[in-house]
Amino acid sequence: MIFFKYTYEMGLVIWMRNLLTCDSEDPKQLIDPKLMGNGYEEQMIRVLKIACFCTLDNPKERPNSKDARLMLAQIHPENVSL
């Protein structure tokens, strides 16, 4: 019995990367509308960018846990601009 089939559907990480890297797309589409308007949209986008970096296909290109923690620690409202 086959549980998984090959599909042409895009995975979540690829969809997220496309929205974050394509100039014609609005990265705020990644944020749940219920969370919009709280003033932290830019910080949420930064966290998602770090998540994309941490899920690169080549493990050697991914940051180690210390570097990922440092990147996350640098996200402050006054330091963020998209």
PDB file of N, CA and C in Angstrom:
ATOM      1  N   MET A   1       0.845  -1.172   0.000  1.00  0.00           N
ATOM      2  CA  MET A   1       0.000   0.000   0.000  1.00  0.00           C
ATOM      3  C   MET A   1       0.897   1.245   0.000  1.00  0.00           C
ATOM      4  N   ILE A   2       0.593   2.211  -0.859  1.00  0.00           N
ATOM      5  CA  ILE A   2       1.362   3.446  -0.961  1.00  0.00           C
ATOM      6  C   ILE A   2       0.650   4.528  -0.153  1.00  0.00           C
ATOM      7  N   PHE A   3       1.360   5.095   0.802  1.00  0.00           N
ATOM      8  CA  PHE A   3       0.779   6.141   1.627  1.00  0.00           C
ATOM      9  C   PHE A   3       1.026   7.531   1.062  1.00  0.00           C
ATOM     10  N   PHE A   4       2.143   7.710   0.406  1.00  0.00           N
ATOM     11  CA  PHE A   4       2.498   9.021  -0.113  1.00  0.00           C
ATOM     12  C   PHE A   4       2.677   8.941  -1.618  1.00  0.00           C
ATOM     13  N   LYS A   5       2.183   9.924  -2.302  1.00  0.00           N
ATOM     14  CA  LYS A   5       2.340  10.005  -3.747  1.00  0.00           C
ATOM     15  C   LYS A   5       3.189  11.212  -4.075  1.00  0.00           C
ATOM     16  N   TYR A   6       3.851  11.136  -5.213  1.00  0.00           N
ATOM     17  CA  TYR A   6       4.583  12.299  -5.693  1.00  0.00           C
ATOM     18  C   TYR A   6       3.548  13.330  -6.122  1.00  0.00           C
ATOM     19  N   THR A   7       3.771  14.548  -5.755  1.00  0.00           N
ATOM     20  CA  THR A   7       2.831  15.605  -6.103  1.00  0.00           C
ATOM     21  C   THR A   7       3.583  16.826  -6.602  1.00  0.00           C
ATOM     22  N   TYR A   8       2.912  17.614  -7.419  1.00  0.00           N
ATOM     23  CA  TYR A   8       3.501  18.848  -7.921  1.00  0.00           C
ATOM     24  C   TYR A   8       3.170  20.018  -7.015  1.00  0.00           C
ATOM     25  N   GLU A   9       2.458  19.761  -5.939  1.00  0.00           N
ATOM     26  CA  GLU A   9       2.120  20.830  -5.019  1.00  0.00           C
ATOM     27  C   GLU A   9       3.370  21.351  -4.332  1.00  0.00           C
ATOM     28  N   MET A  10       3.340  22.606  -4.017  1.00  0.00           N
ATOM     29  CA  MET A  10       4.473  23.254  -3.386  1.00  0.00           C
ATOM     30  C   MET A  10       4.426  23.018  -1.874  1.00  0.00           C
ATOM     31  N   GLY A  11       5.554  22.723  -1.285  1.00  0.00           N
ATOM     32  CA  GLY A  11       5.636  22.561   0.154  1.00  0.00           C
ATOM     33  C   GLY A  11       5.627  23.909   0.862  1.00  0.00           C
ATOM     34  N   LEU A  12       5.391  23.866   2.145  1.00  0.00           N
ATOM     35  CA  LEU A  12       5.287  25.083   2.945  1.00  0.00           C
ATOM     36  C   LEU A  12       6.567  25.910   2.908  1.00  0.00           C
ATOM     37  N   VAL A  13       7.711  25.266   3.040  1.00  0.00           N
ATOM     38  CA  VAL A  13       8.981  26.005   3.058  1.00  0.00           C
ATOM     39  C   VAL A  13       9.238  26.672   1.707  1.00  0.00           C
ATOM     40  N   ILE A  14       8.970  25.972   0.631  1.00  0.00           N
ATOM     41  CA  ILE A  14       9.190  26.547  -0.703  1.00  0.00           C
ATOM     42  C   ILE A  14       8.243  27.714  -0.935  1.00  0.00           C
ATOM     43  N   TRP A  15       6.984  27.562  -0.527  1.00  0.00           N
ATOM     44  CA  TRP A  15       6.014  28.646  -0.667  1.00  0.00           C
ATOM     45  C   TRP A  15       6.469  29.871   0.114  1.00  0.00           C
ATOM     46  N   MET A  16       6.952  29.639   1.328  1.00  0.00           N
ATOM     47  CA  MET A  16       7.409  30.740   2.178  1.00  0.00           C
ATOM     48  C   MET A  16       8.631  31.418   1.549  1.00  0.00           C
ATOM     49  N   ARG A  17       9.581  30.635   1.074  1.00  0.00           N
ATOM     50  CA  ARG A  17      10.763  31.216   0.427  1.00  0.00           C
ATOM     51  C   ARG A  17      10.370  32.054  -0.777  1.00  0.00           C
ATOM     52  N   ASN A  18       9.431  31.555  -1.569  1.00  0.00           N
ATOM     53  CA  ASN A  18       8.987  32.304  -2.756  1.00  0.00           C
ATOM     54  C   ASN A  18       8.396  33.650  -2.368  1.00  0.00           C
ATOM     55  N   LEU A  19       7.577  33.679  -1.345  1.00  0.00           N
ATOM     56  CA  LEU A  19       6.980  34.939  -0.920  1.00  0.00           C
ATOM     57  C   LEU A  19       8.019  35.897  -0.342  1.00  0.00           C
ATOM     58  N   LEU A  20       9.019  35.364   0.330  1.00  0.00           N
ATOM     59  CA  LEU A  20      10.027  36.219   0.954  1.00  0.00           C
ATOM     60  C   LEU A  20      11.060  36.743  -0.041  1.00  0.00           C
ATOM     61  N   THR A  21      11.282  36.037  -1.132  1.00  0.00           N
ATOM     62  CA  THR A  21      12.342  36.429  -2.059  1.00  0.00           C
ATOM     63  C   THR A  21      11.839  37.095  -3.327  1.00  0.00           C
ATOM     64  N   CYS A  22      10.571  36.955  -3.633  1.00  0.00           N
ATOM     65  CA  CYS A  22      10.028  37.524  -4.867  1.00  0.00           C
ATOM     66  C   CYS A  22       9.612  38.968  -4.629  1.00  0.00           C
ATOM     67  N   ASP A  23      10.186  39.878  -5.388  1.00  0.00           N
ATOM     68  CA  ASP A  23       9.902  41.311  -5.227  1.00  0.00           C
ATOM     69  C   ASP A  23       8.445  41.651  -5.503  1.00  0.00           C
ATOM     70  N   SER A  24       7.778  40.848  -6.327  1.00  0.00           N
ATOM     71  CA  SER A  24       6.400  41.171  -6.681  1.00  0.00           C
ATOM     72  C   SER A  24       5.388  40.671  -5.647  1.00  0.00           C
ATOM     73  N   GLU A  25       5.846  39.939  -4.673  1.00  0.00           N
ATOM     74  CA  GLU A  25       4.945  39.377  -3.654  1.00  0.00           C
ATOM     75  C   GLU A  25       5.052  40.167  -2.353  1.00  0.00           C
ATOM     76  N   ASP A  26       3.985  40.188  -1.601  1.00  0.00           N
ATOM     77  CA  ASP A  26       3.956  40.844  -0.304  1.00  0.00           C
ATOM     78  C   ASP A  26       4.231  39.802   0.776  1.00  0.00           C
ATOM     79  N   PRO A  27       5.364  39.884   1.469  1.00  0.00           N
ATOM     80  CA  PRO A  27       5.685  38.877   2.486  1.00  0.00           C
ATOM     81  C   PRO A  27       4.698  38.867   3.648  1.00  0.00           C
ATOM     82  N   LYS A  28       3.915  39.914   3.806  1.00  0.00           N
ATOM     83  CA  LYS A  28       2.936  39.933   4.896  1.00  0.00           C
ATOM     84  C   LYS A  28       1.808  38.940   4.673  1.00  0.00           C
ATOM     85  N   GLN A  29       1.751  38.354   3.461  1.00  0.00           N
ATOM     86  CA  GLN A  29       0.785  37.282   3.193  1.00  0.00           C
ATOM     87  C   GLN A  29       1.076  36.064   4.062  1.00  0.00           C
ATOM     88  N   LEU A  30       2.296  35.970   4.552  1.00  0.00           N
ATOM     89  CA  LEU A  30       2.697  34.829   5.383  1.00  0.00           C
ATOM     90  C   LEU A  30       2.111  34.894   6.789  1.00  0.00           C
ATOM     91  N   ILE A  31       1.670  36.061   7.193  1.00  0.00           N
ATOM     92  CA  ILE A  31       1.191  36.262   8.556  1.00  0.00           C
ATOM     93  C   ILE A  31      -0.311  36.033   8.623  1.00  0.00           C
ATOM     94  N   ASP A  32      -0.737  35.311   9.632  1.00  0.00           N
ATOM     95  CA  ASP A  32      -2.155  35.083   9.861  1.00  0.00           C
ATOM     96  C   ASP A  32      -2.842  36.442  10.011  1.00  0.00           C
ATOM     97  N   PRO A  33      -3.924  36.675   9.262  1.00  0.00           N
ATOM     98  CA  PRO A  33      -4.622  37.967   9.353  1.00  0.00           C
ATOM     99  C   PRO A  33      -5.041  38.339  10.781  1.00  0.00           C
ATOM    100  N   LYS A  34      -5.260  37.363  11.619  1.00  0.00           N
ATOM    101  CA  LYS A  34      -5.641  37.639  13.005  1.00  0.00           C
ATOM    102  C   LYS A  34      -4.497  38.298  13.778  1.00  0.00           C
ATOM    103  N   LEU A  35      -3.265  38.133  13.301  1.00  0.00           N
ATOM    104  CA  LEU A  35      -2.098  38.715  13.972  1.00  0.00           C
ATOM    105  C   LEU A  35      -1.699  40.068  13.390  1.00  0.00           C
ATOM    106  N   MET A  36      -2.329  40.439  12.283  1.00  0.00           N
ATOM    107  CA  MET A  36      -2.001  41.714  11.643  1.00  0.00           C
ATOM    108  C   MET A  36      -2.532  42.875  12.471  1.00  0.00           C
ATOM    109  N   GLY A  37      -1.810  43.979  12.435  1.00  0.00           N
ATOM    110  CA  GLY A  37      -2.252  45.177  13.115  1.00  0.00           C
ATOM    111  C   GLY A  37      -1.767  45.304  14.542  1.00  0.00           C
ATOM    112  N   ASN A  38      -0.927  44.353  14.976  1.00  0.00           N
ATOM    113  CA  ASN A  38      -0.412  44.422  16.349  1.00  0.00           C
ATOM    114  C   ASN A  38       0.901  45.174  16.438  1.00  0.00           C
ATOM    115  N   GLY A  39       1.431  45.599  15.290  1.00  0.00           N
ATOM    116  CA  GLY A  39       2.679  46.351  15.285  1.00  0.00           C
ATOM    117  C   GLY A  39       3.931  45.506  15.223  1.00  0.00           C
ATOM    118  N   TYR A  40       3.791  44.193  15.126  1.00  0.00           N
ATOM    119  CA  TYR A  40       4.956  43.306  15.111  1.00  0.00           C
ATOM    120  C   TYR A  40       5.113  42.553  13.782  1.00  0.00           C
ATOM    121  N   GLU A  41       4.486  43.034  12.729  1.00  0.00           N
ATOM    122  CA  GLU A  41       4.543  42.336  11.453  1.00  0.00           C
ATOM    123  C   GLU A  41       5.972  42.206  10.935  1.00  0.00           C
ATOM    124  N   GLU A  42       6.747  43.273  11.045  1.00  0.00           N
ATOM    125  CA  GLU A  42       8.123  43.236  10.532  1.00  0.00           C
ATOM    126  C   GLU A  42       8.972  42.226  11.302  1.00  0.00           C
ATOM    127  N   GLN A  43       8.771  42.140  12.606  1.00  0.00           N
ATOM    128  CA  GLN A  43       9.514  41.173  13.410  1.00  0.00           C
ATOM    129  C   GLN A  43       9.125  39.747  13.019  1.00  0.00           C
ATOM    130  N   MET A  44       7.834  39.527  12.764  1.00  0.00           N
ATOM    131  CA  MET A  44       7.391  38.190  12.356  1.00  0.00           C
ATOM    132  C   MET A  44       8.006  37.801  11.019  1.00  0.00           C
ATOM    133  N   ILE A  45       8.101  38.756  10.097  1.00  0.00           N
ATOM    134  CA  ILE A  45       8.732  38.479   8.800  1.00  0.00           C
ATOM    135  C   ILE A  45      10.205  38.141   8.996  1.00  0.00           C
ATOM    136  N   ARG A  46      10.894  38.862   9.872  1.00  0.00           N
ATOM    137  CA  ARG A  46      12.312  38.568  10.148  1.00  0.00           C
ATOM    138  C   ARG A  46      12.486  37.159  10.698  1.00  0.00           C
ATOM    139  N   VAL A  47      11.604  36.736  11.602  1.00  0.00           N
ATOM    140  CA  VAL A  47      11.673  35.383  12.157  1.00  0.00           C
ATOM    141  C   VAL A  47      11.466  34.361  11.043  1.00  0.00           C
ATOM    142  N   LEU A  48      10.534  34.617  10.143  1.00  0.00           N
ATOM    143  CA  LEU A  48      10.302  33.694   9.037  1.00  0.00           C
ATOM    144  C   LEU A  48      11.493  33.635   8.085  1.00  0.00           C
ATOM    145  N   LYS A  49      12.166  34.762   7.877  1.00  0.00           N
ATOM    146  CA  LYS A  49      13.376  34.759   7.044  1.00  0.00           C
ATOM    147  C   LYS A  49      14.468  33.903   7.678  1.00  0.00           C
ATOM    148  N   ILE A  50      14.603  34.006   8.989  1.00  0.00           N
ATOM    149  CA  ILE A  50      15.582  33.172   9.696  1.00  0.00           C
ATOM    150  C   ILE A  50      15.185  31.710   9.578  1.00  0.00           C
ATOM    151  N   ALA A  51      13.894  31.424   9.676  1.00  0.00           N
ATOM    152  CA  ALA A  51      13.414  30.044   9.531  1.00  0.00           C
ATOM    153  C   ALA A  51      13.772  29.495   8.151  1.00  0.00           C
ATOM    154  N   CYS A  52      13.637  30.320   7.118  1.00  0.00           N
ATOM    155  CA  CYS A  52      14.023  29.884   5.768  1.00  0.00           C
ATOM    156  C   CYS A  52      15.509  29.584   5.703  1.00  0.00           C
ATOM    157  N   PHE A  53      16.295  30.420   6.320  1.00  0.00           N
ATOM    158  CA  PHE A  53      17.739  30.217   6.362  1.00  0.00           C
ATOM    159  C   PHE A  53      18.079  28.901   7.065  1.00  0.00           C
ATOM    160  N   CYS A  54      17.337  28.585   8.110  1.00  0.00           N
ATOM    161  CA  CYS A  54      17.581  27.366   8.898  1.00  0.00           C
ATOM    162  C   CYS A  54      17.088  26.099   8.202  1.00  0.00           C
ATOM    163  N   THR A  55      16.327  26.254   7.119  1.00  0.00           N
ATOM    164  CA  THR A  55      15.798  25.088   6.407  1.00  0.00           C
ATOM    165  C   THR A  55      16.346  24.975   4.990  1.00  0.00           C
ATOM    166  N   LEU A  56      17.501  25.590   4.750  1.00  0.00           N
ATOM    167  CA  LEU A  56      18.124  25.467   3.431  1.00  0.00           C
ATOM    168  C   LEU A  56      18.348  23.999   3.097  1.00  0.00           C
ATOM    169  N   ASP A  57      18.288  23.680   1.812  1.00  0.00           N
ATOM    170  CA  ASP A  57      18.442  22.289   1.380  1.00  0.00           C
ATOM    171  C   ASP A  57      19.787  21.687   1.781  1.00  0.00           C
ATOM    172  N   ASN A  58      20.838  22.489   1.663  1.00  0.00           N
ATOM    173  CA  ASN A  58      22.175  22.005   2.012  1.00  0.00           C
ATOM    174  C   ASN A  58      22.441  22.286   3.494  1.00  0.00           C
ATOM    175  N   PRO A  59      22.552  21.263   4.313  1.00  0.00           N
ATOM    176  CA  PRO A  59      22.779  21.472   5.745  1.00  0.00           C
ATOM    177  C   PRO A  59      24.023  22.297   6.060  1.00  0.00           C
ATOM    178  N   LYS A  60      25.024  22.266   5.199  1.00  0.00           N
ATOM    179  CA  LYS A  60      26.242  23.038   5.439  1.00  0.00           C
ATOM    180  C   LYS A  60      26.012  24.539   5.308  1.00  0.00           C
ATOM    181  N   GLU A  61      24.950  24.926   4.604  1.00  0.00           N
ATOM    182  CA  GLU A  61      24.633  26.339   4.428  1.00  0.00           C
ATOM    183  C   GLU A  61      23.754  26.881   5.553  1.00  0.00           C
ATOM    184  N   ARG A  62      23.223  26.008   6.373  1.00  0.00           N
ATOM    185  CA  ARG A  62      22.348  26.425   7.469  1.00  0.00           C
ATOM    186  C   ARG A  62      23.173  26.966   8.632  1.00  0.00           C
ATOM    187  N   PRO A  63      22.618  27.929   9.368  1.00  0.00           N
ATOM    188  CA  PRO A  63      23.333  28.423  10.553  1.00  0.00           C
ATOM    189  C   PRO A  63      23.298  27.367  11.662  1.00  0.00           C
ATOM    190  N   ASN A  64      24.326  27.379  12.501  1.00  0.00           N
ATOM    191  CA  ASN A  64      24.277  26.482  13.655  1.00  0.00           C
ATOM    192  C   ASN A  64      23.324  27.081  14.689  1.00  0.00           C
ATOM    193  N   SER A  65      23.041  26.349  15.736  1.00  0.00           N
ATOM    194  CA  SER A  65      22.044  26.806  16.710  1.00  0.00           C
ATOM    195  C   SER A  65      22.457  28.106  17.400  1.00  0.00           C
ATOM    196  N   LYS A  66      23.748  28.276  17.650  1.00  0.00           N
ATOM    197  CA  LYS A  66      24.213  29.502  18.286  1.00  0.00           C
ATOM    198  C   LYS A  66      23.972  30.706  17.378  1.00  0.00           C
ATOM    199  N   ASP A  67      24.315  30.567  16.088  1.00  0.00           N
ATOM    200  CA  ASP A  67      24.107  31.660  15.144  1.00  0.00           C
ATOM    201  C   ASP A  67      22.620  31.971  14.961  1.00  0.00           C
ATOM    202  N   ALA A  68      21.781  30.925  14.914  1.00  0.00           N
ATOM    203  CA  ALA A  68      20.341  31.140  14.784  1.00  0.00           C
ATOM    204  C   ALA A  68      19.809  31.890  16.002  1.00  0.00           C
ATOM    205  N   ARG A  69      20.282  31.526  17.181  1.00  0.00           N
ATOM    206  CA  ARG A  69      19.857  32.207  18.406  1.00  0.00           C
ATOM    207  C   ARG A  69      20.276  33.668  18.378  1.00  0.00           C
ATOM    208  N   LEU A  70      21.501  33.940  17.915  1.00  0.00           N
ATOM    209  CA  LEU A  70      21.980  35.317  17.829  1.00  0.00           C
ATOM    210  C   LEU A  70      21.166  36.140  16.829  1.00  0.00           C
ATOM    211  N   MET A  71      20.824  35.527  15.709  1.00  0.00           N
ATOM    212  CA  MET A  71      20.002  36.235  14.722  1.00  0.00           C
ATOM    213  C   MET A  71      18.634  36.574  15.316  1.00  0.00           C
ATOM    214  N   LEU A  72      18.044  35.619  16.009  1.00  0.00           N
ATOM    215  CA  LEU A  72      16.735  35.865  16.625  1.00  0.00           C
ATOM    216  C   LEU A  72      16.827  36.930  17.714  1.00  0.00           C
ATOM    217  N   ALA A  73      17.930  36.928  18.456  1.00  0.00           N
ATOM    218  CA  ALA A  73      18.102  37.893  19.538  1.00  0.00           C
ATOM    219  C   ALA A  73      18.239  39.325  19.006  1.00  0.00           C
ATOM    220  N   GLN A  74      18.625  39.477  17.748  1.00  0.00           N
ATOM    221  CA  GLN A  74      18.813  40.809  17.164  1.00  0.00           C
ATOM    222  C   GLN A  74      17.518  41.442  16.665  1.00  0.00           C
ATOM    223  N   ILE A  75      16.423  40.710  16.744  1.00  0.00           N
ATOM    224  CA  ILE A  75      15.155  41.241  16.259  1.00  0.00           C
ATOM    225  C   ILE A  75      14.516  42.081  17.356  1.00  0.00           C
ATOM    226  N   HIS A  76      14.527  43.378  17.135  1.00  0.00           N
ATOM    227  CA  HIS A  76      13.921  44.345  18.060  1.00  0.00           C
ATOM    228  C   HIS A  76      13.090  45.298  17.225  1.00  0.00           C
ATOM    229  N   PRO A  77      11.995  45.812  17.777  1.00  0.00           N
ATOM    230  CA  PRO A  77      11.159  46.732  16.998  1.00  0.00           C
ATOM    231  C   PRO A  77      11.914  47.927  16.431  1.00  0.00           C
ATOM    232  N   GLU A  78      12.855  48.464  17.169  1.00  0.00           N
ATOM    233  CA  GLU A  78      13.560  49.650  16.690  1.00  0.00           C
ATOM    234  C   GLU A  78      14.627  49.331  15.637  1.00  0.00           C
ATOM    235  N   ASN A  79      15.001  48.056  15.486  1.00  0.00           N
ATOM    236  CA  ASN A  79      16.047  47.669  14.537  1.00  0.00           C
ATOM    237  C   ASN A  79      15.501  47.079  13.242  1.00  0.00           C
ATOM    238  N   VAL A  80      14.201  46.975  13.093  1.00  0.00           N
ATOM    239  CA  VAL A  80      13.634  46.259  11.971  1.00  0.00           C
ATOM    240  C   VAL A  80      13.113  47.205  10.907  1.00  0.00           C
ATOM    241  N   SER A  81      13.516  46.933   9.674  1.00  0.00           N
ATOM    242  CA  SER A  81      12.910  47.587   8.516  1.00  0.00           C
ATOM    243  C   SER A  81      13.016  46.623   7.354  1.00  0.00           C
ATOM    244  N   LEU A  82      11.915  46.398   6.688  1.00  0.00           N
ATOM    245  CA  LEU A  82      11.908  45.421   5.592  1.00  0.00           C
ATOM    246  C   LEU A  82      12.440  46.007   4.321  1.00  0.00           C
TER     247      LEU A  82
END
